[in-house]
Amino acid sequence: MNKEQIIENTIEFVKNELEGEGSGHDWWHIYRVTEVTKKIAQDENADLFLCTMAALLHDIADEKLNESEEVGMQRVKGWLESQEVDKGELEIIMEIISTISFKGGNGPTLTRLEAKVVQDADRLDAIGAIGIARCFIYSGSKGRQMYDPNDVPRETMTKEEYRSNKGAAINHFYEKLLKLKDLMNTETGKSMAQERHDYMIRFLEQFFEEWDGRK
């Protein structure tokens, strides 16, 4: 099976798996991440097939959508095997997916360029206008408040604390989203992140002025 056909099959697989997902990890998140991944991969001279496949499949393995991360990774492996992906490429795609998650800022240091590319693209979808929308839709899906002045954002978190977070949506900006600009790996990612970061700053300024009745 050629690589173009594998990618087309994977698109259909992921669409079917994530259709109707309501926490901001739906097919359209995957679509945006994949498109940005391709742009960064081309700019940074990364392997386009590996990057595209990892971007398409990265949330199939996410522990938020599975019984555990291990179960999710087995789903990804099973799909790649069904598509007869080269064993070496399969292992790299699995490696990328297993290492790019934020995990409360406790993820591993990345060494592979393709992992850096996909991580940047995934993080870019968590900031800017789209990131703001996703933050609130995810918080709403978990029954969390929009904002509570008495709920102070945490400075540091373990992976377990990050996953079990029940804080208000606005806290997520300070605990994660505003940190992502400085965690970008590639020059392309850094450039794209700056505008999205600045947009979030303007949003928060407006939010607090409205919250306090100043506007």
C-alpha atoms as a PDB file:
ATOM      1  CA  MET A   1       0.000   0.000   0.000  1.00  0.00           C
ATOM      2  CA  ASN A   2       1.443   3.400  -0.933  1.00  0.00           C
ATOM      3  CA  LYS A   3       1.804   6.188   1.607  1.00  0.00           C
ATOM      4  CA  GLU A   4      -0.852   8.415   0.049  1.00  0.00           C
ATOM      5  CA  GLN A   5      -3.411   5.628   0.397  1.00  0.00           C
ATOM      6  CA  ILE A   6      -2.356   4.938   3.993  1.00  0.00           C
ATOM      7  CA  ILE A   7      -2.913   8.608   4.825  1.00  0.00           C
ATOM      8  CA  GLU A   8      -6.336   8.632   3.126  1.00  0.00           C
ATOM      9  CA  ASN A   9      -7.367   5.476   4.996  1.00  0.00           C
ATOM     10  CA  THR A  10      -6.153   6.976   8.266  1.00  0.00           C
ATOM     11  CA  ILE A  11      -8.161  10.151   7.707  1.00  0.00           C
ATOM     12  CA  GLU A  12     -11.334   8.084   7.331  1.00  0.00           C
ATOM     13  CA  PHE A  13     -10.442   5.961  10.370  1.00  0.00           C
ATOM     14  CA  VAL A  14      -9.876   8.984  12.603  1.00  0.00           C
ATOM     15  CA  LYS A  15     -13.005  10.744  11.357  1.00  0.00           C
ATOM     16  CA  ASN A  16     -15.079   7.712  12.296  1.00  0.00           C
ATOM     17  CA  GLU A  17     -13.400   7.350  15.693  1.00  0.00           C
ATOM     18  CA  LEU A  18     -13.714  10.994  16.788  1.00  0.00           C
ATOM     19  CA  GLU A  19     -16.961  12.058  15.116  1.00  0.00           C
ATOM     20  CA  GLY A  20     -19.150  13.894  17.615  1.00  0.00           C
ATOM     21  CA  GLU A  21     -16.471  14.028  20.339  1.00  0.00           C
ATOM     22  CA  GLY A  22     -17.499  16.934  22.567  1.00  0.00           C
ATOM     23  CA  SER A  23     -14.464  17.994  24.580  1.00  0.00           C
ATOM     24  CA  GLY A  24     -12.477  19.765  21.850  1.00  0.00           C
ATOM     25  CA  HIS A  25     -10.590  16.650  20.735  1.00  0.00           C
ATOM     26  CA  ASP A  26     -12.823  15.996  17.733  1.00  0.00           C
ATOM     27  CA  TRP A  27     -11.967  15.407  14.067  1.00  0.00           C
ATOM     28  CA  TRP A  28     -11.688  19.120  13.358  1.00  0.00           C
ATOM     29  CA  HIS A  29      -8.976  19.449  16.016  1.00  0.00           C
ATOM     30  CA  ILE A  30      -7.117  16.651  14.226  1.00  0.00           C
ATOM     31  CA  TYR A  31      -7.678  18.359  10.868  1.00  0.00           C
ATOM     32  CA  ARG A  32      -6.238  21.671  12.094  1.00  0.00           C
ATOM     33  CA  VAL A  33      -3.272  20.033  13.803  1.00  0.00           C
ATOM     34  CA  THR A  34      -2.520  17.997  10.682  1.00  0.00           C
ATOM     35  CA  GLU A  35      -2.644  21.036   8.387  1.00  0.00           C
ATOM     36  CA  VAL A  36      -0.342  23.039  10.671  1.00  0.00           C
ATOM     37  CA  THR A  37       1.912  19.992  11.034  1.00  0.00           C
ATOM     38  CA  LYS A  38       2.342  19.819   7.268  1.00  0.00           C
ATOM     39  CA  LYS A  39       3.221  23.511   7.095  1.00  0.00           C
ATOM     40  CA  ILE A  40       5.820  23.264   9.868  1.00  0.00           C
ATOM     41  CA  ALA A  41       7.238  19.987   8.496  1.00  0.00           C
ATOM     42  CA  GLN A  42       7.794  21.563   5.103  1.00  0.00           C
ATOM     43  CA  ASP A  43       9.394  24.681   6.602  1.00  0.00           C
ATOM     44  CA  GLU A  44      11.641  22.631   8.912  1.00  0.00           C
ATOM     45  CA  ASN A  45      12.503  19.840   6.409  1.00  0.00           C
ATOM     46  CA  ALA A  46      10.970  17.076   8.540  1.00  0.00           C
ATOM     47  CA  ASP A  47       9.658  13.764   7.199  1.00  0.00           C
ATOM     48  CA  LEU A  48       6.172  14.624   5.932  1.00  0.00           C
ATOM     49  CA  PHE A  49       4.721  11.102   6.108  1.00  0.00           C
ATOM     50  CA  LEU A  50       5.813  10.474   9.690  1.00  0.00           C
ATOM     51  CA  CYS A  51       4.604  13.896  10.811  1.00  0.00           C
ATOM     52  CA  THR A  52       1.245  13.574   9.054  1.00  0.00           C
ATOM     53  CA  MET A  53       0.529  10.113  10.410  1.00  0.00           C
ATOM     54  CA  ALA A  54       1.469  11.074  13.960  1.00  0.00           C
ATOM     55  CA  ALA A  55      -0.680  14.208  13.765  1.00  0.00           C
ATOM     56  CA  LEU A  56      -3.668  12.256  12.488  1.00  0.00           C
ATOM     57  CA  LEU A  57      -3.412   9.563  15.155  1.00  0.00           C
ATOM     58  CA  HIS A  58      -2.166  11.465  18.206  1.00  0.00           C
ATOM     59  CA  ASP A  59      -5.549  11.721  19.967  1.00  0.00           C
ATOM     60  CA  ILE A  60      -6.595   8.157  19.157  1.00  0.00           C
ATOM     61  CA  ALA A  61      -4.066   7.215  21.851  1.00  0.00           C
ATOM     62  CA  ASP A  62      -4.911  10.006  24.306  1.00  0.00           C
ATOM     63  CA  GLU A  63      -5.708   8.721  27.786  1.00  0.00           C
ATOM     64  CA  LYS A  64      -8.545  11.253  28.022  1.00  0.00           C
ATOM     65  CA  LEU A  65     -10.338   9.236  25.323  1.00  0.00           C
ATOM     66  CA  ASN A  66      -9.310   5.713  26.400  1.00  0.00           C
ATOM     67  CA  GLU A  67      -9.289   3.514  29.489  1.00  0.00           C
ATOM     68  CA  SER A  68      -5.570   4.211  29.728  1.00  0.00           C
ATOM     69  CA  GLU A  69      -2.677   5.510  27.636  1.00  0.00           C
ATOM     70  CA  GLU A  70      -1.524   1.907  27.092  1.00  0.00           C
ATOM     71  CA  VAL A  71      -4.915   0.919  25.636  1.00  0.00           C
ATOM     72  CA  GLY A  72      -4.818   3.943  23.344  1.00  0.00           C
ATOM     73  CA  MET A  73      -1.330   3.140  22.103  1.00  0.00           C
ATOM     74  CA  GLN A  74      -2.406  -0.417  21.302  1.00  0.00           C
ATOM     75  CA  ARG A  75      -5.248   0.987  19.194  1.00  0.00           C
ATOM     76  CA  VAL A  76      -2.756   3.076  17.238  1.00  0.00           C
ATOM     77  CA  LYS A  77      -0.377   0.147  16.792  1.00  0.00           C
ATOM     78  CA  GLY A  78      -3.186  -2.095  15.610  1.00  0.00           C
ATOM     79  CA  TRP A  79      -4.243   0.460  13.017  1.00  0.00           C
ATOM     80  CA  LEU A  80      -0.711   0.964  11.706  1.00  0.00           C
ATOM     81  CA  GLU A  81      -0.215  -2.777  11.428  1.00  0.00           C
ATOM     82  CA  SER A  82      -3.501  -3.110   9.549  1.00  0.00           C
ATOM     83  CA  GLN A  83      -2.162  -0.589   7.025  1.00  0.00           C
ATOM     84  CA  GLU A  84       1.090  -2.518   6.665  1.00  0.00           C
ATOM     85  CA  VAL A  85       3.178   0.499   7.673  1.00  0.00           C
ATOM     86  CA  ASP A  86       6.904  -0.234   7.571  1.00  0.00           C
ATOM     87  CA  LYS A  87       8.008  -1.513  10.998  1.00  0.00           C
ATOM     88  CA  GLY A  88      10.663   1.171  11.417  1.00  0.00           C
ATOM     89  CA  GLU A  89       8.214   3.929  10.514  1.00  0.00           C
ATOM     90  CA  LEU A  90       5.561   2.383  12.760  1.00  0.00           C
ATOM     91  CA  GLU A  91       7.927   2.543  15.726  1.00  0.00           C
ATOM     92  CA  ILE A  92       8.783   6.181  15.020  1.00  0.00           C
ATOM     93  CA  ILE A  93       5.115   7.187  14.727  1.00  0.00           C
ATOM     94  CA  MET A  94       4.400   5.424  18.028  1.00  0.00           C
ATOM     95  CA  GLU A  95       7.364   7.178  19.642  1.00  0.00           C
ATOM     96  CA  ILE A  96       6.173  10.592  18.456  1.00  0.00           C
ATOM     97  CA  ILE A  97       2.636  10.059  19.762  1.00  0.00           C
ATOM     98  CA  SER A  98       3.832   8.769  23.130  1.00  0.00           C
ATOM     99  CA  THR A  99       6.124  11.738  23.806  1.00  0.00           C
ATOM    100  CA  ILE A 100       4.322  14.903  22.668  1.00  0.00           C
ATOM    101  CA  SER A 101       1.635  15.289  25.364  1.00  0.00           C
ATOM    102  CA  PHE A 102       1.875  18.249  27.782  1.00  0.00           C
ATOM    103  CA  LYS A 103       1.288  16.112  30.928  1.00  0.00           C
ATOM    104  CA  GLY A 104       1.245  19.143  33.198  1.00  0.00           C
ATOM    105  CA  GLY A 105       4.593  20.310  31.843  1.00  0.00           C
ATOM    106  CA  ASN A 106       6.155  16.967  32.749  1.00  0.00           C
ATOM    107  CA  GLY A 107       6.575  15.503  29.269  1.00  0.00           C
ATOM    108  CA  PRO A 108       9.972  14.217  28.102  1.00  0.00           C
ATOM    109  CA  THR A 109      12.557  16.295  26.255  1.00  0.00           C
ATOM    110  CA  LEU A 110      12.133  15.675  22.545  1.00  0.00           C
ATOM    111  CA  THR A 111      15.085  14.761  20.343  1.00  0.00           C
ATOM    112  CA  ARG A 112      13.384  13.744  17.092  1.00  0.00           C
ATOM    113  CA  LEU A 113      12.553  16.626  14.722  1.00  0.00           C
ATOM    114  CA  GLU A 114       9.266  15.061  13.678  1.00  0.00           C
ATOM    115  CA  ALA A 115       8.099  14.879  17.297  1.00  0.00           C
ATOM    116  CA  LYS A 116       8.972  18.554  17.749  1.00  0.00           C
ATOM    117  CA  VAL A 117       6.963  19.448  14.656  1.00  0.00           C
ATOM    118  CA  VAL A 118       3.810  17.576  15.724  1.00  0.00           C
ATOM    119  CA  GLN A 119       4.055  18.821  19.308  1.00  0.00           C
ATOM    120  CA  ASP A 120       4.295  22.424  18.084  1.00  0.00           C
ATOM    121  CA  ALA A 121       1.248  21.976  15.835  1.00  0.00           C
ATOM    122  CA  ASP A 122      -0.781  20.388  18.640  1.00  0.00           C
ATOM    123  CA  ARG A 123       0.176  23.161  21.042  1.00  0.00           C
ATOM    124  CA  LEU A 124      -0.668  25.857  18.509  1.00  0.00           C
ATOM    125  CA  ASP A 125      -4.235  24.510  18.427  1.00  0.00           C
ATOM    126  CA  ALA A 126      -4.386  25.053  22.200  1.00  0.00           C
ATOM    127  CA  ILE A 127      -3.698  28.802  21.955  1.00  0.00           C
ATOM    128  CA  GLY A 128      -5.100  31.792  20.091  1.00  0.00           C
ATOM    129  CA  ALA A 129      -8.788  32.119  19.191  1.00  0.00           C
ATOM    130  CA  ILE A 130      -9.205  28.377  18.669  1.00  0.00           C
ATOM    131  CA  GLY A 131      -7.401  27.655  21.924  1.00  0.00           C
ATOM    132  CA  ILE A 132      -9.732  29.957  23.844  1.00  0.00           C
ATOM    133  CA  ALA A 133     -12.782  28.236  22.364  1.00  0.00           C
ATOM    134  CA  ARG A 134     -11.367  24.780  23.094  1.00  0.00           C
ATOM    135  CA  CYS A 135     -10.514  25.714  26.680  1.00  0.00           C
ATOM    136  CA  PHE A 136     -14.095  26.667  27.436  1.00  0.00           C
ATOM    137  CA  ILE A 137     -15.711  23.780  25.581  1.00  0.00           C
ATOM    138  CA  TYR A 138     -13.468  21.301  27.420  1.00  0.00           C
ATOM    139  CA  SER A 139     -14.170  22.905  30.793  1.00  0.00           C
ATOM    140  CA  GLY A 140     -17.896  22.891  30.065  1.00  0.00           C
ATOM    141  CA  SER A 141     -17.787  19.217  29.113  1.00  0.00           C
ATOM    142  CA  LYS A 142     -16.259  18.505  32.539  1.00  0.00           C
ATOM    143  CA  GLY A 143     -18.725  20.680  34.464  1.00  0.00           C
ATOM    144  CA  ARG A 144     -16.105  23.212  35.511  1.00  0.00           C
ATOM    145  CA  GLN A 145     -16.748  26.869  36.285  1.00  0.00           C
ATOM    146  CA  MET A 146     -15.809  29.635  33.881  1.00  0.00           C
ATOM    147  CA  TYR A 147     -13.982  31.641  36.570  1.00  0.00           C
ATOM    148  CA  ASP A 148     -13.762  31.790  40.357  1.00  0.00           C
ATOM    149  CA  PRO A 149     -11.688  34.645  41.852  1.00  0.00           C
ATOM    150  CA  ASN A 150     -11.036  32.486  44.925  1.00  0.00           C
ATOM    151  CA  ASP A 151      -9.611  29.624  42.858  1.00  0.00           C
ATOM    152  CA  VAL A 152      -5.914  30.440  42.457  1.00  0.00           C
ATOM    153  CA  PRO A 153      -4.010  28.930  39.487  1.00  0.00           C
ATOM    154  CA  ARG A 154      -1.286  26.454  40.433  1.00  0.00           C
ATOM    155  CA  GLU A 155       2.331  27.256  39.652  1.00  0.00           C
ATOM    156  CA  THR A 156       3.435  23.641  39.167  1.00  0.00           C
ATOM    157  CA  MET A 157       1.635  20.318  38.740  1.00  0.00           C
ATOM    158  CA  THR A 158       2.494  16.659  38.570  1.00  0.00           C
ATOM    159  CA  LYS A 159       1.095  14.692  35.623  1.00  0.00           C
ATOM    160  CA  GLU A 160      -1.546  13.221  37.953  1.00  0.00           C
ATOM    161  CA  GLU A 161      -2.541  16.647  39.315  1.00  0.00           C
ATOM    162  CA  TYR A 162      -2.818  17.994  35.781  1.00  0.00           C
ATOM    163  CA  ARG A 163      -5.082  15.144  34.678  1.00  0.00           C
ATOM    164  CA  SER A 164      -7.312  15.389  37.764  1.00  0.00           C
ATOM    165  CA  ASN A 165      -7.633  19.173  37.620  1.00  0.00           C
ATOM    166  CA  LYS A 166     -11.091  20.504  38.475  1.00  0.00           C
ATOM    167  CA  GLY A 167     -10.193  24.200  38.422  1.00  0.00           C
ATOM    168  CA  ALA A 168     -11.993  26.984  36.567  1.00  0.00           C
ATOM    169  CA  ALA A 169     -11.452  27.488  32.846  1.00  0.00           C
ATOM    170  CA  ILE A 170      -9.593  30.780  33.288  1.00  0.00           C
ATOM    171  CA  ASN A 171      -7.012  29.035  35.483  1.00  0.00           C
ATOM    172  CA  HIS A 172      -6.046  26.867  32.514  1.00  0.00           C
ATOM    173  CA  PHE A 173      -4.647  29.928  30.751  1.00  0.00           C
ATOM    174  CA  TYR A 174      -2.148  30.465  33.560  1.00  0.00           C
ATOM    175  CA  GLU A 175      -1.432  26.803  34.268  1.00  0.00           C
ATOM    176  CA  LYS A 176      -0.796  25.857  30.632  1.00  0.00           C
ATOM    177  CA  LEU A 177      -1.879  28.012  27.697  1.00  0.00           C
ATOM    178  CA  LEU A 178       0.208  31.114  28.393  1.00  0.00           C
ATOM    179  CA  LYS A 179       3.271  28.918  28.899  1.00  0.00           C
ATOM    180  CA  LEU A 180       3.116  27.263  25.490  1.00  0.00           C
ATOM    181  CA  LYS A 181       4.666  30.114  23.487  1.00  0.00           C
ATOM    182  CA  ASP A 182       7.975  29.632  25.279  1.00  0.00           C
ATOM    183  CA  LEU A 183       7.828  25.849  24.920  1.00  0.00           C
ATOM    184  CA  MET A 184       7.738  25.789  21.115  1.00  0.00           C
ATOM    185  CA  ASN A 185      10.467  23.677  19.540  1.00  0.00           C
ATOM    186  CA  THR A 186      10.807  24.955  15.973  1.00  0.00           C
ATOM    187  CA  GLU A 187      11.403  28.420  14.571  1.00  0.00           C
ATOM    188  CA  THR A 188       8.195  28.125  12.551  1.00  0.00           C
ATOM    189  CA  GLY A 189       6.246  27.143  15.652  1.00  0.00           C
ATOM    190  CA  LYS A 190       7.688  30.026  17.667  1.00  0.00           C
ATOM    191  CA  SER A 191       6.744  32.504  14.957  1.00  0.00           C
ATOM    192  CA  MET A 192       3.175  31.224  14.708  1.00  0.00           C
ATOM    193  CA  ALA A 193       2.751  31.072  18.485  1.00  0.00           C
ATOM    194  CA  GLN A 194       3.546  34.729  19.134  1.00  0.00           C
ATOM    195  CA  GLU A 195       0.437  36.147  17.436  1.00  0.00           C
ATOM    196  CA  ARG A 196      -1.822  33.557  19.072  1.00  0.00           C
ATOM    197  CA  HIS A 197      -0.270  34.255  22.484  1.00  0.00           C
ATOM    198  CA  ASP A 198      -0.805  37.997  22.095  1.00  0.00           C
ATOM    199  CA  TYR A 199      -4.453  37.375  21.200  1.00  0.00           C
ATOM    200  CA  MET A 200      -4.981  35.439  24.441  1.00  0.00           C
ATOM    201  CA  ILE A 201      -3.434  38.266  26.450  1.00  0.00           C
ATOM    202  CA  ARG A 202      -5.879  40.731  24.891  1.00  0.00           C
ATOM    203  CA  PHE A 203      -8.767  38.365  25.584  1.00  0.00           C
ATOM    204  CA  LEU A 204      -7.846  38.037  29.262  1.00  0.00           C
ATOM    205  CA  GLU A 205      -7.505  41.804  29.648  1.00  0.00           C
ATOM    206  CA  GLN A 206     -10.992  42.270  28.186  1.00  0.00           C
ATOM    207  CA  PHE A 207     -12.386  39.383  30.261  1.00  0.00           C
ATOM    208  CA  PHE A 208     -11.253  40.823  33.596  1.00  0.00           C
ATOM    209  CA  GLU A 209     -12.388  44.346  32.726  1.00  0.00           C
ATOM    210  CA  GLU A 210     -15.842  42.975  31.923  1.00  0.00           C
ATOM    211  CA  TRP A 211     -15.806  40.727  35.012  1.00  0.00           C
ATOM    212  CA  ASP A 212     -15.128  43.707  37.268  1.00  0.00           C
ATOM    213  CA  GLY A 213     -17.664  45.895  35.452  1.00  0.00           C
ATOM    214  CA  ARG A 214     -15.085  48.336  34.108  1.00  0.00           C
ATOM    215  CA  LYS A 215     -16.306  47.884  30.528  1.00  0.00           C
END
